[in-house]
Amino acid sequence: STRTFSTYAMGWFRQAPGKERELVAAITWSGANTVYADS
């Protein structure tokens, strides 16, 4: 809910029961690059 969405880096995280929150994937504000968990 923002008009300046293009200026935000975004990420997806996940948390399973009994485990810590972990990064799944992320993307820069530019969309130029992404990163993924090895799994």
All heavy atoms as atom14 arrays in JSON, in Angstrom:
{
  "sequence": "STRTFSTYAMGWFRQAPGKERELVAAITWSGANTVYADS",
  "atom14_mask": [
    [1, 1, 1, 1, 1, 1, 0, 0, 0, 0, 0, 0, 0, 0],
    [1, 1, 1, 1, 1, 1, 1, 0, 0, 0, 0, 0, 0, 0],
    [1, 1, 1, 1, 1, 1, 1, 1, 1, 1, 1, 0, 0, 0],
    [1, 1, 1, 1, 1, 1, 1, 0, 0, 0, 0, 0, 0, 0],
    [1, 1, 1, 1, 1, 1, 1, 1, 1, 1, 1, 0, 0, 0],
    [1, 1, 1, 1, 1, 1, 0, 0, 0, 0, 0, 0, 0, 0],
    [1, 1, 1, 1, 1, 1, 1, 0, 0, 0, 0, 0, 0, 0],
    [1, 1, 1, 1, 1, 1, 1, 1, 1, 1, 1, 1, 0, 0],
    [1, 1, 1, 1, 1, 0, 0, 0, 0, 0, 0, 0, 0, 0],
    [1, 1, 1, 1, 1, 1, 1, 1, 0, 0, 0, 0, 0, 0],
    [1, 1, 1, 1, 0, 0, 0, 0, 0, 0, 0, 0, 0, 0],
    [1, 1, 1, 1, 1, 1, 1, 1, 1, 1, 1, 1, 1, 1],
    [1, 1, 1, 1, 1, 1, 1, 1, 1, 1, 1, 0, 0, 0],
    [1, 1, 1, 1, 1, 1, 1, 1, 1, 1, 1, 0, 0, 0],
    [1, 1, 1, 1, 1, 1, 1, 1, 1, 0, 0, 0, 0, 0],
    [1, 1, 1, 1, 1, 0, 0, 0, 0, 0, 0, 0, 0, 0],
    [1, 1, 1, 1, 1, 1, 1, 0, 0, 0, 0, 0, 0, 0],
    [1, 1, 1, 1, 0, 0, 0, 0, 0, 0, 0, 0, 0, 0],
    [1, 1, 1, 1, 1, 1, 1, 1, 1, 0, 0, 0, 0, 0],
    [1, 1, 1, 1, 1, 1, 1, 1, 1, 0, 0, 0, 0, 0],
    [1, 1, 1, 1, 1, 1, 1, 1, 1, 1, 1, 0, 0, 0],
    [1, 1, 1, 1, 1, 1, 1, 1, 1, 0, 0, 0, 0, 0],
    [1, 1, 1, 1, 1, 1, 1, 1, 0, 0, 0, 0, 0, 0],
    [1, 1, 1, 1, 1, 1, 1, 0, 0, 0, 0, 0, 0, 0],
    [1, 1, 1, 1, 1, 0, 0, 0, 0, 0, 0, 0, 0, 0],
    [1, 1, 1, 1, 1, 0, 0, 0, 0, 0, 0, 0, 0, 0],
    [1, 1, 1, 1, 1, 1, 1, 1, 0, 0, 0, 0, 0, 0],
    [1, 1, 1, 1, 1, 1, 1, 0, 0, 0, 0, 0, 0, 0],
    [1, 1, 1, 1, 1, 1, 1, 1, 1, 1, 1, 1, 1, 1],
    [1, 1, 1, 1, 1, 1, 0, 0, 0, 0, 0, 0, 0, 0],
    [1, 1, 1, 1, 0, 0, 0, 0, 0, 0, 0, 0, 0, 0],
    [1, 1, 1, 1, 1, 0, 0, 0, 0, 0, 0, 0, 0, 0],
    [1, 1, 1, 1, 1, 1, 1, 1, 0, 0, 0, 0, 0, 0],
    [1, 1, 1, 1, 1, 1, 1, 0, 0, 0, 0, 0, 0, 0],
    [1, 1, 1, 1, 1, 1, 1, 0, 0, 0, 0, 0, 0, 0],
    [1, 1, 1, 1, 1, 1, 1, 1, 1, 1, 1, 1, 0, 0],
    [1, 1, 1, 1, 1, 0, 0, 0, 0, 0, 0, 0, 0, 0],
    [1, 1, 1, 1, 1, 1, 1, 1, 0, 0, 0, 0, 0, 0],
    [1, 1, 1, 1, 1, 1, 0, 0, 0, 0, 0, 0, 0, 0]
  ],
  "atom14_positions": [
    [[0.83, -1.21, 0.0], [0.0, 0.0, 0.0], [0.86, 1.25, 0.0], [0.78, 2.06, 0.93], [-0.91, 0.01, 1.23], [-0.11, 0.12, 2.39], [0.0, 0.0, 0.0], [0.0, 0.0, 0.0], [0.0, 0.0, 0.0], [0.0, 0.0, 0.0], [0.0, 0.0, 0.0], [0.0, 0.0, 0.0], [0.0, 0.0, 0.0], [0.0, 0.0, 0.0]],
    [[1.67, 1.42, -1.02], [2.5, 2.61, -1.12], [2.68, 2.99, -2.58], [2.83, 2.12, -3.43], [3.88, 2.4, -0.47], [4.69, 3.56, -0.72], [4.58, 1.17, -1.02], [0.0, 0.0, 0.0], [0.0, 0.0, 0.0], [0.0, 0.0, 0.0], [0.0, 0.0, 0.0], [0.0, 0.0, 0.0], [0.0, 0.0, 0.0], [0.0, 0.0, 0.0]],
    [[2.7, 4.31, -2.83], [2.91, 4.79, -4.19], [4.37, 4.78, -4.57], [4.71, 5.01, -5.74], [2.35, 6.2, -4.32], [0.84, 6.27, -4.12], [0.34, 7.7, -4.23], [-1.11, 7.78, -4.04], [-1.8, 8.91, -4.05], [-1.17, 10.05, -4.26], [-3.1, 8.89, -3.86], [0.0, 0.0, 0.0], [0.0, 0.0, 0.0], [0.0, 0.0, 0.0]],
    [[5.23, 4.57, -3.57], [6.66, 4.56, -3.82], [7.23, 3.15, -3.74], [8.38, 2.94, -3.34], [7.39, 5.48, -2.83], [7.12, 5.02, -1.49], [6.95, 6.91, -2.98], [0.0, 0.0, 0.0], [0.0, 0.0, 0.0], [0.0, 0.0, 0.0], [0.0, 0.0, 0.0], [0.0, 0.0, 0.0], [0.0, 0.0, 0.0], [0.0, 0.0, 0.0]],
    [[6.43, 2.18, -4.14], [6.83, 0.78, -4.05], [8.15, 0.51, -4.76], [8.95, -0.29, -4.31], [5.72, -0.11, -4.65], [6.07, -1.56, -4.69], [6.03, -2.32, -3.53], [6.42, -2.18, -5.88], [6.34, -3.67, -3.55], [6.73, -3.53, -5.92], [6.68, -4.28, -4.76], [0.0, 0.0, 0.0], [0.0, 0.0, 0.0], [0.0, 0.0, 0.0]],
    [[8.38, 1.21, -5.86], [9.58, 0.96, -6.66], [10.86, 1.34, -5.92], [11.96, 0.99, -6.38], [9.5, 1.71, -7.99], [9.44, 3.11, -7.76], [0.0, 0.0, 0.0], [0.0, 0.0, 0.0], [0.0, 0.0, 0.0], [0.0, 0.0, 0.0], [0.0, 0.0, 0.0], [0.0, 0.0, 0.0], [0.0, 0.0, 0.0], [0.0, 0.0, 0.0]],
    [[10.76, 2.03, -4.79], [11.94, 2.41, -4.03], [12.24, 1.45, -2.88], [13.19, 1.67, -2.14], [11.78, 3.83, -3.44], [10.71, 3.82, -2.47], [11.46, 4.85, -4.53], [0.0, 0.0, 0.0], [0.0, 0.0, 0.0], [0.0, 0.0, 0.0], [0.0, 0.0, 0.0], [0.0, 0.0, 0.0], [0.0, 0.0, 0.0], [0.0, 0.0, 0.0]],
    [[11.43, 0.41, -2.76], [11.59, -0.56, -1.67], [12.21, -1.85, -2.16], [11.77, -2.43, -3.14], [10.24, -0.88, -1.03], [9.72, 0.21, -0.13], [9.03, 1.3, -0.65], [9.93, 0.15, 1.23], [8.56, 2.3, 0.17], [9.45, 1.15, 2.07], [8.78, 2.22, 1.52], [8.32, 3.21, 2.35], [0.0, 0.0, 0.0], [0.0, 0.0, 0.0]],
    [[13.22, -2.31, -1.43], [13.7, -3.67, -1.62], [12.69, -4.6, -0.96], [12.08, -4.26, 0.05], [15.06, -3.84, -0.94], [0.0, 0.0, 0.0], [0.0, 0.0, 0.0], [0.0, 0.0, 0.0], [0.0, 0.0, 0.0], [0.0, 0.0, 0.0], [0.0, 0.0, 0.0], [0.0, 0.0, 0.0], [0.0, 0.0, 0.0], [0.0, 0.0, 0.0]],
    [[12.5, -5.78, -1.54], [11.48, -6.7, -1.05], [12.08, -8.07, -0.76], [13.06, -8.49, -1.38], [10.36, -6.85, -2.08], [9.66, -5.55, -2.43], [8.81, -4.81, -1.03], [7.58, -6.04, -0.66], [0.0, 0.0, 0.0], [0.0, 0.0, 0.0], [0.0, 0.0, 0.0], [0.0, 0.0, 0.0], [0.0, 0.0, 0.0], [0.0, 0.0, 0.0]],
    [[11.45, -8.75, 0.17], [11.92, -10.08, 0.51], [10.78, -10.99, 0.94], [9.72, -10.52, 1.35], [0.0, 0.0, 0.0], [0.0, 0.0, 0.0], [0.0, 0.0, 0.0], [0.0, 0.0, 0.0], [0.0, 0.0, 0.0], [0.0, 0.0, 0.0], [0.0, 0.0, 0.0], [0.0, 0.0, 0.0], [0.0, 0.0, 0.0], [0.0, 0.0, 0.0]],
    [[11.01, -12.27, 0.81], [10.12, -13.3, 1.35], [10.9, -14.08, 2.4], [12.02, -14.54, 2.14], [9.66, -14.26, 0.26], [8.62, -13.69, -0.67], [8.83, -13.15, -1.91], [7.22, -13.63, -0.44], [7.64, -12.75, -2.46], [6.62, -13.04, -1.57], [6.38, -14.02, 0.62], [5.25, -12.82, -1.69], [5.02, -13.81, 0.51], [4.47, -13.21, -0.63]],
    [[10.29, -14.21, 3.56], [10.85, -14.99, 4.66], [9.86, -16.08, 5.02], [8.69, -16.01, 4.64], [11.11, -14.11, 5.88], [12.24, -13.14, 5.72], [12.09, -11.99, 4.94], [13.46, -13.36, 6.33], [13.14, -11.09, 4.78], [14.51, -12.46, 6.18], [14.34, -11.33, 5.41], [0.0, 0.0, 0.0], [0.0, 0.0, 0.0], [0.0, 0.0, 0.0]],
    [[10.31, -17.08, 5.76], [9.39, -18.1, 6.24], [9.79, -18.54, 7.64], [10.96, -18.42, 8.04], [9.35, -19.3, 5.3], [10.63, -20.12, 5.24], [10.5, -21.21, 4.17], [11.71, -22.02, 4.1], [11.92, -22.95, 3.15], [11.0, -23.18, 2.21], [13.04, -23.64, 3.15], [0.0, 0.0, 0.0], [0.0, 0.0, 0.0], [0.0, 0.0, 0.0]],
    [[8.81, -19.04, 8.36], [9.05, -19.53, 9.7], [8.24, -20.79, 9.94], [7.01, -20.75, 9.87], [8.71, -18.48, 10.76], [9.13, -18.87, 12.16], [9.09, -17.7, 13.12], [8.46, -16.68, 12.87], [9.79, -17.84, 14.23], [0.0, 0.0, 0.0], [0.0, 0.0, 0.0], [0.0, 0.0, 0.0], [0.0, 0.0, 0.0], [0.0, 0.0, 0.0]],
    [[8.93, -21.86, 10.2], [8.29, -23.13, 10.51], [8.17, -23.27, 12.02], [8.92, -22.63, 12.76], [9.12, -24.28, 9.93], [0.0, 0.0, 0.0], [0.0, 0.0, 0.0], [0.0, 0.0, 0.0], [0.0, 0.0, 0.0], [0.0, 0.0, 0.0], [0.0, 0.0, 0.0], [0.0, 0.0, 0.0], [0.0, 0.0, 0.0], [0.0, 0.0, 0.0]],
    [[7.24, -24.1, 12.5], [7.08, -24.26, 13.95], [8.38, -24.68, 14.63], [9.06, -25.6, 14.17], [6.02, -25.37, 14.04], [5.24, -25.25, 12.78], [6.24, -24.85, 11.73], [0.0, 0.0, 0.0], [0.0, 0.0, 0.0], [0.0, 0.0, 0.0], [0.0, 0.0, 0.0], [0.0, 0.0, 0.0], [0.0, 0.0, 0.0], [0.0, 0.0, 0.0]],
    [[8.73, -23.96, 15.68], [9.93, -24.29, 16.44], [11.23, -23.85, 15.81], [12.3, -24.16, 16.33], [0.0, 0.0, 0.0], [0.0, 0.0, 0.0], [0.0, 0.0, 0.0], [0.0, 0.0, 0.0], [0.0, 0.0, 0.0], [0.0, 0.0, 0.0], [0.0, 0.0, 0.0], [0.0, 0.0, 0.0], [0.0, 0.0, 0.0], [0.0, 0.0, 0.0]],
    [[11.13, -23.14, 14.69], [12.34, -22.69, 13.99], [12.37, -21.17, 13.88], [11.35, -20.51, 14.0], [12.42, -23.32, 12.61], [12.59, -24.83, 12.63], [12.84, -25.38, 11.23], [13.09, -26.87, 11.26], [13.38, -27.41, 9.9], [0.0, 0.0, 0.0], [0.0, 0.0, 0.0], [0.0, 0.0, 0.0], [0.0, 0.0, 0.0], [0.0, 0.0, 0.0]],
    [[13.55, -20.64, 13.62], [13.69, -19.2, 13.45], [13.23, -18.78, 12.05], [13.24, -19.59, 11.11], [15.15, -18.79, 13.66], [15.64, -18.98, 15.08], [17.03, -18.41, 15.29], [17.66, -18.0, 14.3], [17.49, -18.38, 16.44], [0.0, 0.0, 0.0], [0.0, 0.0, 0.0], [0.0, 0.0, 0.0], [0.0, 0.0, 0.0], [0.0, 0.0, 0.0]],
    [[12.86, -17.52, 11.95], [12.49, -16.98, 10.65], [13.72, -16.96, 9.76], [14.8, -16.55, 10.19], [11.91, -15.58, 10.81], [11.25, -15.02, 9.57], [10.51, -13.74, 9.87], [9.41, -13.95, 10.8], [8.49, -13.03, 11.07], [8.52, -11.85, 10.48], [7.54, -13.29, 11.94], [0.0, 0.0, 0.0], [0.0, 0.0, 0.0], [0.0, 0.0, 0.0]],
    [[13.54, -17.36, 8.5], [14.67, -17.42, 7.59], [14.32, -16.77, 6.25], [13.16, -16.79, 5.82], [15.11, -18.87, 7.34], [14.06, -19.74, 6.68], [14.57, -21.13, 6.33], [15.77, -21.4, 6.54], [13.76, -21.93, 5.83], [0.0, 0.0, 0.0], [0.0, 0.0, 0.0], [0.0, 0.0, 0.0], [0.0, 0.0, 0.0], [0.0, 0.0, 0.0]],
    [[15.35, -16.23, 5.62], [15.17, -15.65, 4.29], [14.91, -16.76, 3.28], [15.61, -17.77, 3.26], [16.41, -14.88, 3.87], [16.38, -14.31, 2.45], [15.45, -13.11, 2.38], [17.78, -13.94, 1.99], [0.0, 0.0, 0.0], [0.0, 0.0, 0.0], [0.0, 0.0, 0.0], [0.0, 0.0, 0.0], [0.0, 0.0, 0.0], [0.0, 0.0, 0.0]],
    [[13.92, -16.54, 2.42], [13.66, -17.44, 1.31], [14.21, -16.85, 0.02], [14.95, -17.51, -0.71], [12.15, -17.7, 1.16], [11.87, -18.58, -0.06], [11.58, -18.34, 2.42], [0.0, 0.0, 0.0], [0.0, 0.0, 0.0], [0.0, 0.0, 0.0], [0.0, 0.0, 0.0], [0.0, 0.0, 0.0], [0.0, 0.0, 0.0], [0.0, 0.0, 0.0]],
    [[13.85, -15.6, -0.24], [14.3, -14.92, -1.45], [14.17, -13.42, -1.26], [13.33, -12.96, -0.49], [13.47, -15.36, -2.66], [0.0, 0.0, 0.0], [0.0, 0.0, 0.0], [0.0, 0.0, 0.0], [0.0, 0.0, 0.0], [0.0, 0.0, 0.0], [0.0, 0.0, 0.0], [0.0, 0.0, 0.0], [0.0, 0.0, 0.0], [0.0, 0.0, 0.0]],
    [[14.99, -12.67, -1.98], [14.93, -11.22, -1.9], [15.25, -10.62, -3.26], [15.94, -11.25, -4.08], [15.9, -10.7, -0.85], [0.0, 0.0, 0.0], [0.0, 0.0, 0.0], [0.0, 0.0, 0.0], [0.0, 0.0, 0.0], [0.0, 0.0, 0.0], [0.0, 0.0, 0.0], [0.0, 0.0, 0.0], [0.0, 0.0, 0.0], [0.0, 0.0, 0.0]],
    [[14.76, -9.4, -3.47], [14.97, -8.71, -4.74], [15.23, -7.24, -4.45], [14.65, -6.66, -3.53], [13.75, -8.89, -5.66], [14.0, -8.33, -7.06], [12.49, -8.29, -5.04], [12.95, -8.75, -8.09], [0.0, 0.0, 0.0], [0.0, 0.0, 0.0], [0.0, 0.0, 0.0], [0.0, 0.0, 0.0], [0.0, 0.0, 0.0], [0.0, 0.0, 0.0]],
    [[16.14, -6.64, -5.2], [16.45, -5.24, -4.99], [15.31, -4.34, -5.45], [14.43, -4.77, -6.19], [17.71, -4.86, -5.77], [17.52, -5.22, -7.15], [18.95, -5.56, -5.23], [0.0, 0.0, 0.0], [0.0, 0.0, 0.0], [0.0, 0.0, 0.0], [0.0, 0.0, 0.0], [0.0, 0.0, 0.0], [0.0, 0.0, 0.0], [0.0, 0.0, 0.0]],
    [[15.35, -3.07, -5.02], [14.32, -2.13, -5.45], [14.34, -1.98, -6.96], [13.31, -1.76, -7.6], [14.5, -0.76, -4.78], [15.81, -0.08, -5.09], [16.96, -0.13, -4.35], [16.11, 0.73, -6.23], [17.95, 0.6, -4.95], [17.46, 1.14, -6.1], [15.39, 1.15, -7.34], [18.08, 1.95, -7.04], [16.0, 1.96, -8.27], [17.34, 2.35, -8.13]],
    [[15.53, -2.12, -7.55], [15.7, -1.97, -8.99], [15.24, -3.2, -9.76], [15.04, -3.13, -10.98], [17.17, -1.72, -9.3], [17.95, -2.85, -8.91], [0.0, 0.0, 0.0], [0.0, 0.0, 0.0], [0.0, 0.0, 0.0], [0.0, 0.0, 0.0], [0.0, 0.0, 0.0], [0.0, 0.0, 0.0], [0.0, 0.0, 0.0], [0.0, 0.0, 0.0]],
    [[15.11, -4.32, -9.06], [14.81, -5.57, -9.76], [16.03, -6.15, -10.46], [15.93, -7.15, -11.16], [0.0, 0.0, 0.0], [0.0, 0.0, 0.0], [0.0, 0.0, 0.0], [0.0, 0.0, 0.0], [0.0, 0.0, 0.0], [0.0, 0.0, 0.0], [0.0, 0.0, 0.0], [0.0, 0.0, 0.0], [0.0, 0.0, 0.0], [0.0, 0.0, 0.0]],
    [[17.18, -5.51, -10.26], [18.38, -5.91, -10.99], [18.98, -7.22, -10.49], [19.72, -7.87, -11.22], [19.43, -4.81, -10.91], [0.0, 0.0, 0.0], [0.0, 0.0, 0.0], [0.0, 0.0, 0.0], [0.0, 0.0, 0.0], [0.0, 0.0, 0.0], [0.0, 0.0, 0.0], [0.0, 0.0, 0.0], [0.0, 0.0, 0.0], [0.0, 0.0, 0.0]],
    [[18.68, -7.58, -9.25], [19.29, -8.77, -8.72], [18.39, -9.43, -7.69], [17.56, -8.78, -7.05], [20.64, -8.44, -8.06], [21.52, -9.66, -7.95], [21.23, -10.7, -8.54], [22.6, -9.56, -7.2], [0.0, 0.0, 0.0], [0.0, 0.0, 0.0], [0.0, 0.0, 0.0], [0.0, 0.0, 0.0], [0.0, 0.0, 0.0], [0.0, 0.0, 0.0]],
    [[18.56, -10.73, -7.57], [17.81, -11.53, -6.61], [18.77, -12.45, -5.86], [19.89, -12.7, -6.29], [16.75, -12.4, -7.32], [17.41, -13.24, -8.28], [15.72, -11.54, -8.04], [0.0, 0.0, 0.0], [0.0, 0.0, 0.0], [0.0, 0.0, 0.0], [0.0, 0.0, 0.0], [0.0, 0.0, 0.0], [0.0, 0.0, 0.0], [0.0, 0.0, 0.0]],
    [[18.3, -12.94, -4.73], [19.08, -13.9, -3.96], [18.12, -14.92, -3.37], [16.96, -14.6, -3.09], [19.88, -13.19, -2.84], [18.96, -12.55, -1.82], [20.87, -14.12, -2.18], [0.0, 0.0, 0.0], [0.0, 0.0, 0.0], [0.0, 0.0, 0.0], [0.0, 0.0, 0.0], [0.0, 0.0, 0.0], [0.0, 0.0, 0.0], [0.0, 0.0, 0.0]],
    [[18.61, -16.16, -3.23], [17.77, -17.25, -2.74], [18.48, -18.06, -1.66], [19.71, -18.21, -1.69], [17.41, -18.19, -3.89], [16.59, -17.55, -4.97], [17.19, -16.96, -6.08], [15.19, -17.52, -4.89], [16.44, -16.36, -7.07], [14.44, -16.92, -5.88], [15.07, -16.34, -6.96], [14.31, -15.74, -7.94], [0.0, 0.0, 0.0], [0.0, 0.0, 0.0]],
    [[17.7, -18.6, -0.76], [18.24, -19.57, 0.17], [18.67, -20.81, -0.61], [18.05, -21.17, -1.62], [17.19, -19.96, 1.21], [0.0, 0.0, 0.0], [0.0, 0.0, 0.0], [0.0, 0.0, 0.0], [0.0, 0.0, 0.0], [0.0, 0.0, 0.0], [0.0, 0.0, 0.0], [0.0, 0.0, 0.0], [0.0, 0.0, 0.0], [0.0, 0.0, 0.0]],
    [[19.73, -21.44, -0.17], [20.23, -22.62, -0.88], [19.15, -23.69, -1.02], [19.08, -24.41, -2.03], [21.44, -23.2, -0.16], [22.68, -22.35, -0.31], [22.72, -21.49, -1.22], [23.62, -22.54, 0.48], [0.0, 0.0, 0.0], [0.0, 0.0, 0.0], [0.0, 0.0, 0.0], [0.0, 0.0, 0.0], [0.0, 0.0, 0.0], [0.0, 0.0, 0.0]],
    [[18.31, -23.8, -0.01], [17.3, -24.86, 0.01], [16.21, -24.68, -1.05], [15.47, -25.63, -1.33], [16.65, -24.93, 1.39], [16.05, -23.69, 1.72], [0.0, 0.0, 0.0], [0.0, 0.0, 0.0], [0.0, 0.0, 0.0], [0.0, 0.0, 0.0], [0.0, 0.0, 0.0], [0.0, 0.0, 0.0], [0.0, 0.0, 0.0], [0.0, 0.0, 0.0]]
  ]
}
